[in-house]
Amino acid sequence: MESKANTIKKYIKLHLCILVYTGSSVMSKVASTYEFLSLGYILCFFVMFLILGLYAICWQQAIKGFSPSIAYSNKSVTTIWVLIFSQIFFHEGITLKNVIGAVIIILGVILVAQNE
């Protein structure tokens, strides 16, 4: 049985990896603002692939302490981070439906985590 502090550290590590992964979605959106195959477009995709490489390494280390069902259910939080970053970086609106969806995702993650 591991300590609660250790469990919290594992979840923080997992969610930091998820946050890194979200960066690839942000860069993909930024790339869409450039003309196809322009220098800006190519640079955005290069950064996006670097982020995905970092994420792959981070994710493999983070999921060591979790069952696949827990790790991958937590990955759904990506939707919430994308929603937040869309508002911060692209000034997109957050609707009531977005908030309700985010709450459902959080409740689902909590429900799955409690079954561990």
PDB file of N, CA and C in Angstrom:
ATOM      1  N   MET A   1       0.858  -1.186   0.000  1.00  0.00           N
ATOM      2  CA  MET A   1       0.000   0.000   0.000  1.00  0.00           C
ATOM      3  C   MET A   1       0.894   1.236   0.000  1.00  0.00           C
ATOM      4  N   GLU A   2       0.702   2.088  -0.981  1.00  0.00           N
ATOM      5  CA  GLU A   2       1.536   3.280  -1.039  1.00  0.00           C
ATOM      6  C   GLU A   2       0.880   4.441  -0.303  1.00  0.00           C
ATOM      7  N   SER A   3       1.703   5.412   0.069  1.00  0.00           N
ATOM      8  CA  SER A   3       1.195   6.550   0.826  1.00  0.00           C
ATOM      9  C   SER A   3       0.356   7.455  -0.069  1.00  0.00           C
ATOM     10  N   LYS A   4      -0.494   8.236   0.578  1.00  0.00           N
ATOM     11  CA  LYS A   4      -1.346   9.169  -0.160  1.00  0.00           C
ATOM     12  C   LYS A   4      -0.493  10.217  -0.878  1.00  0.00           C
ATOM     13  N   ALA A   5       0.585  10.666  -0.229  1.00  0.00           N
ATOM     14  CA  ALA A   5       1.472  11.660  -0.841  1.00  0.00           C
ATOM     15  C   ALA A   5       2.106  11.111  -2.117  1.00  0.00           C
ATOM     16  N   ASN A   6       2.503   9.849  -2.102  1.00  0.00           N
ATOM     17  CA  ASN A   6       3.102   9.229  -3.279  1.00  0.00           C
ATOM     18  C   ASN A   6       2.076   9.095  -4.403  1.00  0.00           C
ATOM     19  N   THR A   7       0.857   8.747  -4.048  1.00  0.00           N
ATOM     20  CA  THR A   7      -0.217   8.645  -5.038  1.00  0.00           C
ATOM     21  C   THR A   7      -0.482  10.000  -5.683  1.00  0.00           C
ATOM     22  N   ILE A   8      -0.512  11.045  -4.870  1.00  0.00           N
ATOM     23  CA  ILE A   8      -0.735  12.396  -5.393  1.00  0.00           C
ATOM     24  C   ILE A   8       0.392  12.784  -6.344  1.00  0.00           C
ATOM     25  N   LYS A   9       1.628  12.472  -5.990  1.00  0.00           N
ATOM     26  CA  LYS A   9       2.774  12.774  -6.859  1.00  0.00           C
ATOM     27  C   LYS A   9       2.641  12.059  -8.200  1.00  0.00           C
ATOM     28  N   LYS A  10       2.198  10.811  -8.172  1.00  0.00           N
ATOM     29  CA  LYS A  10       2.014  10.061  -9.414  1.00  0.00           C
ATOM     30  C   LYS A  10       0.959  10.718 -10.302  1.00  0.00           C
ATOM     31  N   TYR A  11      -0.143  11.160  -9.691  1.00  0.00           N
ATOM     32  CA  TYR A  11      -1.200  11.816 -10.470  1.00  0.00           C
ATOM     33  C   TYR A  11      -0.732  13.159 -11.022  1.00  0.00           C
ATOM     34  N   ILE A  12       0.052  13.890 -10.246  1.00  0.00           N
ATOM     35  CA  ILE A  12       0.585  15.169 -10.735  1.00  0.00           C
ATOM     36  C   ILE A  12       1.483  14.920 -11.941  1.00  0.00           C
ATOM     37  N   LYS A  13       2.353  13.930 -11.845  1.00  0.00           N
ATOM     38  CA  LYS A  13       3.240  13.582 -12.957  1.00  0.00           C
ATOM     39  C   LYS A  13       2.420  13.194 -14.193  1.00  0.00           C
ATOM     40  N   LEU A  14       1.396  12.394 -13.990  1.00  0.00           N
ATOM     41  CA  LEU A  14       0.532  11.975 -15.092  1.00  0.00           C
ATOM     42  C   LEU A  14      -0.130  13.180 -15.754  1.00  0.00           C
ATOM     43  N   HIS A  15      -0.647  14.082 -14.937  1.00  0.00           N
ATOM     44  CA  HIS A  15      -1.356  15.236 -15.490  1.00  0.00           C
ATOM     45  C   HIS A  15      -0.414  16.267 -16.099  1.00  0.00           C
ATOM     46  N   LEU A  16       0.814  16.343 -15.641  1.00  0.00           N
ATOM     47  CA  LEU A  16       1.795  17.202 -16.310  1.00  0.00           C
ATOM     48  C   LEU A  16       2.080  16.675 -17.715  1.00  0.00           C
ATOM     49  N   CYS A  17       2.144  15.366 -17.855  1.00  0.00           N
ATOM     50  CA  CYS A  17       2.317  14.769 -19.185  1.00  0.00           C
ATOM     51  C   CYS A  17       1.129  15.088 -20.089  1.00  0.00           C
ATOM     52  N   ILE A  18      -0.051  15.015 -19.529  1.00  0.00           N
ATOM     53  CA  ILE A  18      -1.261  15.339 -20.290  1.00  0.00           C
ATOM     54  C   ILE A  18      -1.234  16.805 -20.715  1.00  0.00           C
ATOM     55  N   LEU A  19      -0.752  17.659 -19.844  1.00  0.00           N
ATOM     56  CA  LEU A  19      -0.628  19.083 -20.154  1.00  0.00           C
ATOM     57  C   LEU A  19       0.357  19.295 -21.305  1.00  0.00           C
ATOM     58  N   VAL A  20       1.471  18.566 -21.290  1.00  0.00           N
ATOM     59  CA  VAL A  20       2.439  18.642 -22.390  1.00  0.00           C
ATOM     60  C   VAL A  20       1.766  18.215 -23.694  1.00  0.00           C
ATOM     61  N   TYR A  21       1.018  17.124 -23.647  1.00  0.00           N
ATOM     62  CA  TYR A  21       0.315  16.625 -24.834  1.00  0.00           C
ATOM     63  C   TYR A  21      -0.629  17.687 -25.408  1.00  0.00           C
ATOM     64  N   THR A  22      -1.276  18.418 -24.538  1.00  0.00           N
ATOM     65  CA  THR A  22      -2.201  19.460 -24.967  1.00  0.00           C
ATOM     66  C   THR A  22      -1.486  20.528 -25.791  1.00  0.00           C
ATOM     67  N   GLY A  23      -0.210  20.733 -25.501  1.00  0.00           N
ATOM     68  CA  GLY A  23       0.576  21.697 -26.272  1.00  0.00           C
ATOM     69  C   GLY A  23       0.607  21.370 -27.752  1.00  0.00           C
ATOM     70  N   SER A  24       0.545  20.094 -28.105  1.00  0.00           N
ATOM     71  CA  SER A  24       0.531  19.727 -29.525  1.00  0.00           C
ATOM     72  C   SER A  24      -0.757  20.192 -30.200  1.00  0.00           C
ATOM     73  N   SER A  25      -1.859  20.161 -29.469  1.00  0.00           N
ATOM     74  CA  SER A  25      -3.130  20.654 -30.025  1.00  0.00           C
ATOM     75  C   SER A  25      -3.079  22.160 -30.236  1.00  0.00           C
ATOM     76  N   VAL A  26      -2.467  22.857 -29.299  1.00  0.00           N
ATOM     77  CA  VAL A  26      -2.330  24.313 -29.428  1.00  0.00           C
ATOM     78  C   VAL A  26      -1.476  24.639 -30.652  1.00  0.00           C
ATOM     79  N   MET A  27      -0.356  23.938 -30.813  1.00  0.00           N
ATOM     80  CA  MET A  27       0.511  24.201 -31.962  1.00  0.00           C
ATOM     81  C   MET A  27      -0.172  23.838 -33.273  1.00  0.00           C
ATOM     82  N   SER A  28      -0.998  22.820 -33.260  1.00  0.00           N
ATOM     83  CA  SER A  28      -1.748  22.453 -34.457  1.00  0.00           C
ATOM     84  C   SER A  28      -2.702  23.575 -34.857  1.00  0.00           C
ATOM     85  N   LYS A  29      -3.359  24.160 -33.867  1.00  0.00           N
ATOM     86  CA  LYS A  29      -4.271  25.279 -34.131  1.00  0.00           C
ATOM     87  C   LYS A  29      -3.490  26.487 -34.653  1.00  0.00           C
ATOM     88  N   VAL A  30      -2.326  26.765 -34.046  1.00  0.00           N
ATOM     89  CA  VAL A  30      -1.495  27.880 -34.514  1.00  0.00           C
ATOM     90  C   VAL A  30      -1.067  27.626 -35.958  1.00  0.00           C
ATOM     91  N   ALA A  31      -0.683  26.392 -36.273  1.00  0.00           N
ATOM     92  CA  ALA A  31      -0.268  26.053 -37.638  1.00  0.00           C
ATOM     93  C   ALA A  31      -1.385  26.320 -38.636  1.00  0.00           C
ATOM     94  N   SER A  32      -2.615  26.132 -38.209  1.00  0.00           N
ATOM     95  CA  SER A  32      -3.747  26.335 -39.123  1.00  0.00           C
ATOM     96  C   SER A  32      -3.931  27.797 -39.515  1.00  0.00           C
ATOM     97  N   THR A  33      -3.275  28.697 -38.797  1.00  0.00           N
ATOM     98  CA  THR A  33      -3.387  30.121 -39.136  1.00  0.00           C
ATOM     99  C   THR A  33      -2.407  30.527 -40.234  1.00  0.00           C
ATOM    100  N   TYR A  34      -1.486  29.632 -40.572  1.00  0.00           N
ATOM    101  CA  TYR A  34      -0.498  29.911 -41.616  1.00  0.00           C
ATOM    102  C   TYR A  34      -0.896  29.241 -42.919  1.00  0.00           C
ATOM    103  N   GLU A  35      -0.386  29.783 -44.007  1.00  0.00           N
ATOM    104  CA  GLU A  35      -0.620  29.176 -45.309  1.00  0.00           C
ATOM    105  C   GLU A  35       0.066  27.805 -45.348  1.00  0.00           C
ATOM    106  N   PHE A  36      -0.578  26.862 -45.984  1.00  0.00           N
ATOM    107  CA  PHE A  36      -0.064  25.493 -46.069  1.00  0.00           C
ATOM    108  C   PHE A  36       1.356  25.487 -46.622  1.00  0.00           C
ATOM    109  N   LEU A  37       2.254  24.816 -45.914  1.00  0.00           N
ATOM    110  CA  LEU A  37       3.665  24.646 -46.240  1.00  0.00           C
ATOM    111  C   LEU A  37       4.486  25.938 -46.210  1.00  0.00           C
ATOM    112  N   SER A  38       3.950  26.998 -45.624  1.00  0.00           N
ATOM    113  CA  SER A  38       4.748  28.212 -45.418  1.00  0.00           C
ATOM    114  C   SER A  38       5.743  27.950 -44.289  1.00  0.00           C
ATOM    115  N   LEU A  39       6.692  28.856 -44.104  1.00  0.00           N
ATOM    116  CA  LEU A  39       7.695  28.685 -43.054  1.00  0.00           C
ATOM    117  C   LEU A  39       7.042  28.606 -41.674  1.00  0.00           C
ATOM    118  N   GLY A  40       6.067  29.473 -41.411  1.00  0.00           N
ATOM    119  CA  GLY A  40       5.369  29.445 -40.125  1.00  0.00           C
ATOM    120  C   GLY A  40       4.652  28.127 -39.895  1.00  0.00           C
ATOM    121  N   TYR A  41       4.023  27.630 -40.921  1.00  0.00           N
ATOM    122  CA  TYR A  41       3.311  26.348 -40.859  1.00  0.00           C
ATOM    123  C   TYR A  41       4.275  25.209 -40.532  1.00  0.00           C
ATOM    124  N   ILE A  42       5.382  25.172 -41.245  1.00  0.00           N
ATOM    125  CA  ILE A  42       6.375  24.111 -41.040  1.00  0.00           C
ATOM    126  C   ILE A  42       6.987  24.209 -39.648  1.00  0.00           C
ATOM    127  N   LEU A  43       7.295  25.421 -39.188  1.00  0.00           N
ATOM    128  CA  LEU A  43       7.852  25.595 -37.845  1.00  0.00           C
ATOM    129  C   LEU A  43       6.873  25.131 -36.769  1.00  0.00           C
ATOM    130  N   CYS A  44       5.607  25.460 -36.942  1.00  0.00           N
ATOM    131  CA  CYS A  44       4.595  25.017 -35.973  1.00  0.00           C
ATOM    132  C   CYS A  44       4.524  23.495 -35.912  1.00  0.00           C
ATOM    133  N   PHE A  45       4.563  22.851 -37.070  1.00  0.00           N
ATOM    134  CA  PHE A  45       4.517  21.392 -37.079  1.00  0.00           C
ATOM    135  C   PHE A  45       5.782  20.784 -36.492  1.00  0.00           C
ATOM    136  N   PHE A  46       6.920  21.431 -36.716  1.00  0.00           N
ATOM    137  CA  PHE A  46       8.163  20.957 -36.111  1.00  0.00           C
ATOM    138  C   PHE A  46       8.064  21.013 -34.588  1.00  0.00           C
ATOM    139  N   VAL A  47       7.585  22.135 -34.066  1.00  0.00           N
ATOM    140  CA  VAL A  47       7.413  22.276 -32.614  1.00  0.00           C
ATOM    141  C   VAL A  47       6.390  21.260 -32.108  1.00  0.00           C
ATOM    142  N   MET A  48       5.318  21.064 -32.861  1.00  0.00           N
ATOM    143  CA  MET A  48       4.297  20.096 -32.466  1.00  0.00           C
ATOM    144  C   MET A  48       4.891  18.686 -32.356  1.00  0.00           C
ATOM    145  N   PHE A  49       5.719  18.302 -33.308  1.00  0.00           N
ATOM    146  CA  PHE A  49       6.334  16.973 -33.253  1.00  0.00           C
ATOM    147  C   PHE A  49       7.343  16.859 -32.115  1.00  0.00           C
ATOM    148  N   LEU A  50       8.049  17.945 -31.809  1.00  0.00           N
ATOM    149  CA  LEU A  50       8.941  17.935 -30.643  1.00  0.00           C
ATOM    150  C   LEU A  50       8.141  17.721 -29.359  1.00  0.00           C
ATOM    151  N   ILE A  51       7.024  18.421 -29.262  1.00  0.00           N
ATOM    152  CA  ILE A  51       6.153  18.273 -28.090  1.00  0.00           C
ATOM    153  C   ILE A  51       5.655  16.834 -27.982  1.00  0.00           C
ATOM    154  N   LEU A  52       5.237  16.262 -29.101  1.00  0.00           N
ATOM    155  CA  LEU A  52       4.746  14.878 -29.087  1.00  0.00           C
ATOM    156  C   LEU A  52       5.846  13.889 -28.698  1.00  0.00           C
ATOM    157  N   GLY A  53       7.078  14.149 -29.118  1.00  0.00           N
ATOM    158  CA  GLY A  53       8.197  13.298 -28.715  1.00  0.00           C
ATOM    159  C   GLY A  53       8.450  13.379 -27.222  1.00  0.00           C
ATOM    160  N   LEU A  54       8.435  14.597 -26.688  1.00  0.00           N
ATOM    161  CA  LEU A  54       8.598  14.793 -25.249  1.00  0.00           C
ATOM    162  C   LEU A  54       7.466  14.110 -24.497  1.00  0.00           C
ATOM    163  N   TYR A  55       6.263  14.265 -25.006  1.00  0.00           N
ATOM    164  CA  TYR A  55       5.097  13.640 -24.382  1.00  0.00           C
ATOM    165  C   TYR A  55       5.237  12.116 -24.348  1.00  0.00           C
ATOM    166  N   ALA A  56       5.686  11.516 -25.442  1.00  0.00           N
ATOM    167  CA  ALA A  56       5.805  10.053 -25.506  1.00  0.00           C
ATOM    168  C   ALA A  56       6.748   9.533 -24.424  1.00  0.00           C
ATOM    169  N   ILE A  57       7.865  10.211 -24.240  1.00  0.00           N
ATOM    170  CA  ILE A  57       8.821   9.808 -23.200  1.00  0.00           C
ATOM    171  C   ILE A  57       8.213  10.010 -21.822  1.00  0.00           C
ATOM    172  N   CYS A  58       7.625  11.172 -21.617  1.00  0.00           N
ATOM    173  CA  CYS A  58       7.009  11.510 -20.328  1.00  0.00           C
ATOM    174  C   CYS A  58       5.885  10.527 -19.991  1.00  0.00           C
ATOM    175  N   TRP A  59       5.039  10.241 -20.960  1.00  0.00           N
ATOM    176  CA  TRP A  59       3.883   9.361 -20.748  1.00  0.00           C
ATOM    177  C   TRP A  59       4.332   7.957 -20.348  1.00  0.00           C
ATOM    178  N   GLN A  60       5.341   7.441 -21.029  1.00  0.00           N
ATOM    179  CA  GLN A  60       5.818   6.093 -20.704  1.00  0.00           C
ATOM    180  C   GLN A  60       6.325   6.008 -19.273  1.00  0.00           C
ATOM    181  N   GLN A  61       6.940   7.074 -18.795  1.00  0.00           N
ATOM    182  CA  GLN A  61       7.420   7.093 -17.413  1.00  0.00           C
ATOM    183  C   GLN A  61       6.262   7.267 -16.432  1.00  0.00           C
ATOM    184  N   ALA A  62       5.302   8.088 -16.789  1.00  0.00           N
ATOM    185  CA  ALA A  62       4.196   8.406 -15.874  1.00  0.00           C
ATOM    186  C   ALA A  62       3.238   7.234 -15.677  1.00  0.00           C
ATOM    187  N   ILE A  63       3.024   6.431 -16.720  1.00  0.00           N
ATOM    188  CA  ILE A  63       2.016   5.369 -16.596  1.00  0.00           C
ATOM    189  C   ILE A  63       2.539   4.115 -15.904  1.00  0.00           C
ATOM    190  N   LYS A  64       3.810   4.105 -15.543  1.00  0.00           N
ATOM    191  CA  LYS A  64       4.369   2.934 -14.863  1.00  0.00           C
ATOM    192  C   LYS A  64       3.598   2.577 -13.601  1.00  0.00           C
ATOM    193  N   GLY A  65       3.115   3.578 -12.889  1.00  0.00           N
ATOM    194  CA  GLY A  65       2.449   3.324 -11.617  1.00  0.00           C
ATOM    195  C   GLY A  65       0.942   3.201 -11.692  1.00  0.00           C
ATOM    196  N   PHE A  66       0.396   3.080 -12.891  1.00  0.00           N
ATOM    197  CA  PHE A  66      -1.058   3.043 -13.050  1.00  0.00           C
ATOM    198  C   PHE A  66      -1.485   1.854 -13.890  1.00  0.00           C
ATOM    199  N   SER A  67      -2.703   1.407 -13.652  1.00  0.00           N
ATOM    200  CA  SER A  67      -3.287   0.431 -14.567  1.00  0.00           C
ATOM    201  C   SER A  67      -3.681   1.196 -15.833  1.00  0.00           C
ATOM    202  N   PRO A  68      -3.734   0.527 -16.971  1.00  0.00           N
ATOM    203  CA  PRO A  68      -4.095   1.225 -18.211  1.00  0.00           C
ATOM    204  C   PRO A  68      -5.447   1.941 -18.133  1.00  0.00           C
ATOM    205  N   SER A  69      -6.417   1.354 -17.458  1.00  0.00           N
ATOM    206  CA  SER A  69      -7.740   1.993 -17.390  1.00  0.00           C
ATOM    207  C   SER A  69      -7.673   3.326 -16.650  1.00  0.00           C
ATOM    208  N   ILE A  70      -6.866   3.409 -15.619  1.00  0.00           N
ATOM    209  CA  ILE A  70      -6.728   4.662 -14.870  1.00  0.00           C
ATOM    210  C   ILE A  70      -5.971   5.691 -15.704  1.00  0.00           C
ATOM    211  N   ALA A  71      -4.840   5.287 -16.267  1.00  0.00           N
ATOM    212  CA  ALA A  71      -4.015   6.221 -17.040  1.00  0.00           C
ATOM    213  C   ALA A  71      -4.786   6.800 -18.219  1.00  0.00           C
ATOM    214  N   TYR A  72      -5.443   5.945 -18.971  1.00  0.00           N
ATOM    215  CA  TYR A  72      -6.118   6.417 -20.178  1.00  0.00           C
ATOM    216  C   TYR A  72      -7.428   7.144 -19.884  1.00  0.00           C
ATOM    217  N   SER A  73      -8.085   6.836 -18.793  1.00  0.00           N
ATOM    218  CA  SER A  73      -9.278   7.621 -18.447  1.00  0.00           C
ATOM    219  C   SER A  73      -8.871   9.030 -18.030  1.00  0.00           C
ATOM    220  N   ASN A  74      -7.728   9.169 -17.380  1.00  0.00           N
ATOM    221  CA  ASN A  74      -7.239  10.496 -17.012  1.00  0.00           C
ATOM    222  C   ASN A  74      -6.848  11.314 -18.239  1.00  0.00           C
ATOM    223  N   LYS A  75      -6.481  10.636 -19.309  1.00  0.00           N
ATOM    224  CA  LYS A  75      -6.092  11.339 -20.536  1.00  0.00           C
ATOM    225  C   LYS A  75      -7.255  12.144 -21.123  1.00  0.00           C
ATOM    226  N   SER A  76      -8.470  11.787 -20.754  1.00  0.00           N
ATOM    227  CA  SER A  76      -9.632  12.537 -21.251  1.00  0.00           C
ATOM    228  C   SER A  76      -9.635  13.975 -20.746  1.00  0.00           C
ATOM    229  N   VAL A  77      -8.859  14.256 -19.716  1.00  0.00           N
ATOM    230  CA  VAL A  77      -8.743  15.620 -19.192  1.00  0.00           C
ATOM    231  C   VAL A  77      -8.125  16.548 -20.246  1.00  0.00           C
ATOM    232  N   THR A  78      -7.501  15.970 -21.261  1.00  0.00           N
ATOM    233  CA  THR A  78      -6.963  16.759 -22.372  1.00  0.00           C
ATOM    234  C   THR A  78      -8.032  17.691 -22.931  1.00  0.00           C
ATOM    235  N   THR A  79      -9.249  17.210 -23.024  1.00  0.00           N
ATOM    236  CA  THR A  79     -10.354  18.017 -23.544  1.00  0.00           C
ATOM    237  C   THR A  79     -10.533  19.293 -22.727  1.00  0.00           C
ATOM    238  N   ILE A  80     -10.397  19.188 -21.427  1.00  0.00           N
ATOM    239  CA  ILE A  80     -10.559  20.353 -20.554  1.00  0.00           C
ATOM    240  C   ILE A  80      -9.416  21.338 -20.769  1.00  0.00           C
ATOM    241  N   TRP A  81      -8.179  20.822 -20.838  1.00  0.00           N
ATOM    242  CA  TRP A  81      -7.039  21.715 -21.065  1.00  0.00           C
ATOM    243  C   TRP A  81      -7.155  22.417 -22.418  1.00  0.00           C
ATOM    244  N   VAL A  82      -7.581  21.694 -23.444  1.00  0.00           N
ATOM    245  CA  VAL A  82      -7.748  22.314 -24.762  1.00  0.00           C
ATOM    246  C   VAL A  82      -8.802  23.413 -24.692  1.00  0.00           C
ATOM    247  N   LEU A  83      -9.870  23.176 -23.981  1.00  0.00           N
ATOM    248  CA  LEU A  83     -10.915  24.183 -23.806  1.00  0.00           C
ATOM    249  C   LEU A  83     -10.341  25.437 -23.147  1.00  0.00           C
ATOM    250  N   ILE A  84      -9.570  25.247 -22.085  1.00  0.00           N
ATOM    251  CA  ILE A  84      -8.966  26.382 -21.373  1.00  0.00           C
ATOM    252  C   ILE A  84      -7.976  27.124 -22.269  1.00  0.00           C
ATOM    253  N   PHE A  85      -7.087  26.374 -22.933  1.00  0.00           N
ATOM    254  CA  PHE A  85      -6.092  27.015 -23.789  1.00  0.00           C
ATOM    255  C   PHE A  85      -6.722  27.687 -25.007  1.00  0.00           C
ATOM    256  N   SER A  86      -7.823  27.146 -25.508  1.00  0.00           N
ATOM    257  CA  SER A  86      -8.525  27.777 -26.629  1.00  0.00           C
ATOM    258  C   SER A  86      -9.035  29.151 -26.231  1.00  0.00           C
ATOM    259  N   GLN A  87      -9.494  29.263 -25.004  1.00  0.00           N
ATOM    260  CA  GLN A  87      -9.973  30.556 -24.518  1.00  0.00           C
ATOM    261  C   GLN A  87      -8.796  31.505 -24.286  1.00  0.00           C
ATOM    262  N   ILE A  88      -7.721  31.017 -23.659  1.00  0.00           N
ATOM    263  CA  ILE A  88      -6.576  31.872 -23.325  1.00  0.00           C
ATOM    264  C   ILE A  88      -5.842  32.354 -24.577  1.00  0.00           C
ATOM    265  N   PHE A  89      -5.486  31.432 -25.470  1.00  0.00           N
ATOM    266  CA  PHE A  89      -4.634  31.776 -26.605  1.00  0.00           C
ATOM    267  C   PHE A  89      -5.391  32.245 -27.844  1.00  0.00           C
ATOM    268  N   PHE A  90      -6.605  31.743 -28.029  1.00  0.00           N
ATOM    269  CA  PHE A  90      -7.335  32.043 -29.258  1.00  0.00           C
ATOM    270  C   PHE A  90      -8.624  32.816 -29.008  1.00  0.00           C
ATOM    271  N   HIS A  91      -8.877  33.142 -27.746  1.00  0.00           N
ATOM    272  CA  HIS A  91     -10.044  33.933 -27.345  1.00  0.00           C
ATOM    273  C   HIS A  91     -11.361  33.321 -27.822  1.00  0.00           C
ATOM    274  N   GLU A  92     -11.401  31.999 -27.830  1.00  0.00           N
ATOM    275  CA  GLU A  92     -12.631  31.301 -28.186  1.00  0.00           C
ATOM    276  C   GLU A  92     -13.531  31.247 -26.962  1.00  0.00           C
ATOM    277  N   GLY A  93     -14.813  31.272 -27.178  1.00  0.00           N
ATOM    278  CA  GLY A  93     -15.760  31.278 -26.075  1.00  0.00           C
ATOM    279  C   GLY A  93     -15.900  29.921 -25.397  1.00  0.00           C
ATOM    280  N   ILE A  94     -16.274  29.970 -24.136  1.00  0.00           N
ATOM    281  CA  ILE A  94     -16.594  28.759 -23.383  1.00  0.00           C
ATOM    282  C   ILE A  94     -18.091  28.808 -23.102  1.00  0.00           C
ATOM    283  N   THR A  95     -18.801  27.831 -23.634  1.00  0.00           N
ATOM    284  CA  THR A  95     -20.255  27.817 -23.498  1.00  0.00           C
ATOM    285  C   THR A  95     -20.678  26.972 -22.299  1.00  0.00           C
ATOM    286  N   LEU A  96     -21.938  27.070 -21.961  1.00  0.00           N
ATOM    287  CA  LEU A  96     -22.490  26.251 -20.888  1.00  0.00           C
ATOM    288  C   LEU A  96     -22.332  24.764 -21.220  1.00  0.00           C
ATOM    289  N   LYS A  97     -22.533  24.403 -22.480  1.00  0.00           N
ATOM    290  CA  LYS A  97     -22.355  23.006 -22.891  1.00  0.00           C
ATOM    291  C   LYS A  97     -20.906  22.558 -22.694  1.00  0.00           C
ATOM    292  N   ASN A  98     -19.946  23.451 -22.970  1.00  0.00           N
ATOM    293  CA  ASN A  98     -18.536  23.124 -22.723  1.00  0.00           C
ATOM    294  C   ASN A  98     -18.295  22.833 -21.255  1.00  0.00           C
ATOM    295  N   VAL A  99     -18.850  23.664 -20.388  1.00  0.00           N
ATOM    296  CA  VAL A  99     -18.671  23.502 -18.942  1.00  0.00           C
ATOM    297  C   VAL A  99     -19.323  22.203 -18.472  1.00  0.00           C
ATOM    298  N   ILE A 100     -20.535  21.938 -18.943  1.00  0.00           N
ATOM    299  CA  ILE A 100     -21.226  20.694 -18.563  1.00  0.00           C
ATOM    300  C   ILE A 100     -20.413  19.484 -19.020  1.00  0.00           C
ATOM    301  N   GLY A 101     -19.895  19.526 -20.235  1.00  0.00           N
ATOM    302  CA  GLY A 101     -19.059  18.437 -20.736  1.00  0.00           C
ATOM    303  C   GLY A 101     -17.804  18.249 -19.896  1.00  0.00           C
ATOM    304  N   ALA A 102     -17.174  19.357 -19.508  1.00  0.00           N
ATOM    305  CA  ALA A 102     -15.970  19.283 -18.669  1.00  0.00           C
ATOM    306  C   ALA A 102     -16.283  18.669 -17.311  1.00  0.00           C
ATOM    307  N   VAL A 103     -17.412  19.038 -16.735  1.00  0.00           N
ATOM    308  CA  VAL A 103     -17.816  18.475 -15.441  1.00  0.00           C
ATOM    309  C   VAL A 103     -18.049  16.967 -15.571  1.00  0.00           C
ATOM    310  N   ILE A 104     -18.692  16.553 -16.647  1.00  0.00           N
ATOM    311  CA  ILE A 104     -18.928  15.122 -16.871  1.00  0.00           C
ATOM    312  C   ILE A 104     -17.595  14.374 -16.995  1.00  0.00           C
ATOM    313  N   ILE A 105     -16.642  14.958 -17.703  1.00  0.00           N
ATOM    314  CA  ILE A 105     -15.323  14.331 -17.845  1.00  0.00           C
ATOM    315  C   ILE A 105     -14.651  14.185 -16.486  1.00  0.00           C
ATOM    316  N   ILE A 106     -14.660  15.252 -15.699  1.00  0.00           N
ATOM    317  CA  ILE A 106     -14.032  15.213 -14.373  1.00  0.00           C
ATOM    318  C   ILE A 106     -14.699  14.162 -13.491  1.00  0.00           C
ATOM    319  N   LEU A 107     -16.021  14.118 -13.511  1.00  0.00           N
ATOM    320  CA  LEU A 107     -16.733  13.115 -12.711  1.00  0.00           C
ATOM    321  C   LEU A 107     -16.380  11.695 -13.159  1.00  0.00           C
ATOM    322  N   GLY A 108     -16.246  11.501 -14.458  1.00  0.00           N
ATOM    323  CA  GLY A 108     -15.864  10.185 -14.971  1.00  0.00           C
ATOM    324  C   GLY A 108     -14.469   9.779 -14.526  1.00  0.00           C
ATOM    325  N   VAL A 109     -13.534  10.712 -14.567  1.00  0.00           N
ATOM    326  CA  VAL A 109     -12.168  10.424 -14.120  1.00  0.00           C
ATOM    327  C   VAL A 109     -12.156  10.082 -12.637  1.00  0.00           C
ATOM    328  N   ILE A 110     -12.898  10.842 -11.843  1.00  0.00           N
ATOM    329  CA  ILE A 110     -12.978  10.574 -10.400  1.00  0.00           C
ATOM    330  C   ILE A 110     -13.588   9.199 -10.151  1.00  0.00           C
ATOM    331  N   LEU A 111     -14.648   8.887 -10.876  1.00  0.00           N
ATOM    332  CA  LEU A 111     -15.317   7.595 -10.713  1.00  0.00           C
ATOM    333  C   LEU A 111     -14.374   6.429 -11.024  1.00  0.00           C
ATOM    334  N   VAL A 112     -13.645   6.529 -12.120  1.00  0.00           N
ATOM    335  CA  VAL A 112     -12.712   5.464 -12.491  1.00  0.00           C
ATOM    336  C   VAL A 112     -11.575   5.366 -11.477  1.00  0.00           C
ATOM    337  N   ALA A 113     -11.062   6.512 -11.030  1.00  0.00           N
ATOM    338  CA  ALA A 113      -9.943   6.519 -10.078  1.00  0.00           C
ATOM    339  C   ALA A 113     -10.344   5.917  -8.736  1.00  0.00           C
ATOM    340  N   GLN A 114     -11.587   6.092  -8.328  1.00  0.00           N
ATOM    341  CA  GLN A 114     -12.040   5.545  -7.050  1.00  0.00           C
ATOM    342  C   GLN A 114     -12.127   4.024  -7.082  1.00  0.00           C
ATOM    343  N   ASN A 115     -12.264   3.457  -8.251  1.00  0.00           N
ATOM    344  CA  ASN A 115     -12.361   2.003  -8.366  1.00  0.00           C
ATOM    345  C   ASN A 115     -11.006   1.312  -8.306  1.00  0.00           C
ATOM    346  N   GLU A 116      -9.932   2.087  -8.290  1.00  0.00           N
ATOM    347  CA  GLU A 116      -8.593   1.488  -8.265  1.00  0.00           C
ATOM    348  C   GLU A 116      -8.297   0.887  -6.916  1.00  0.00           C
TER     349      GLU A 116
END
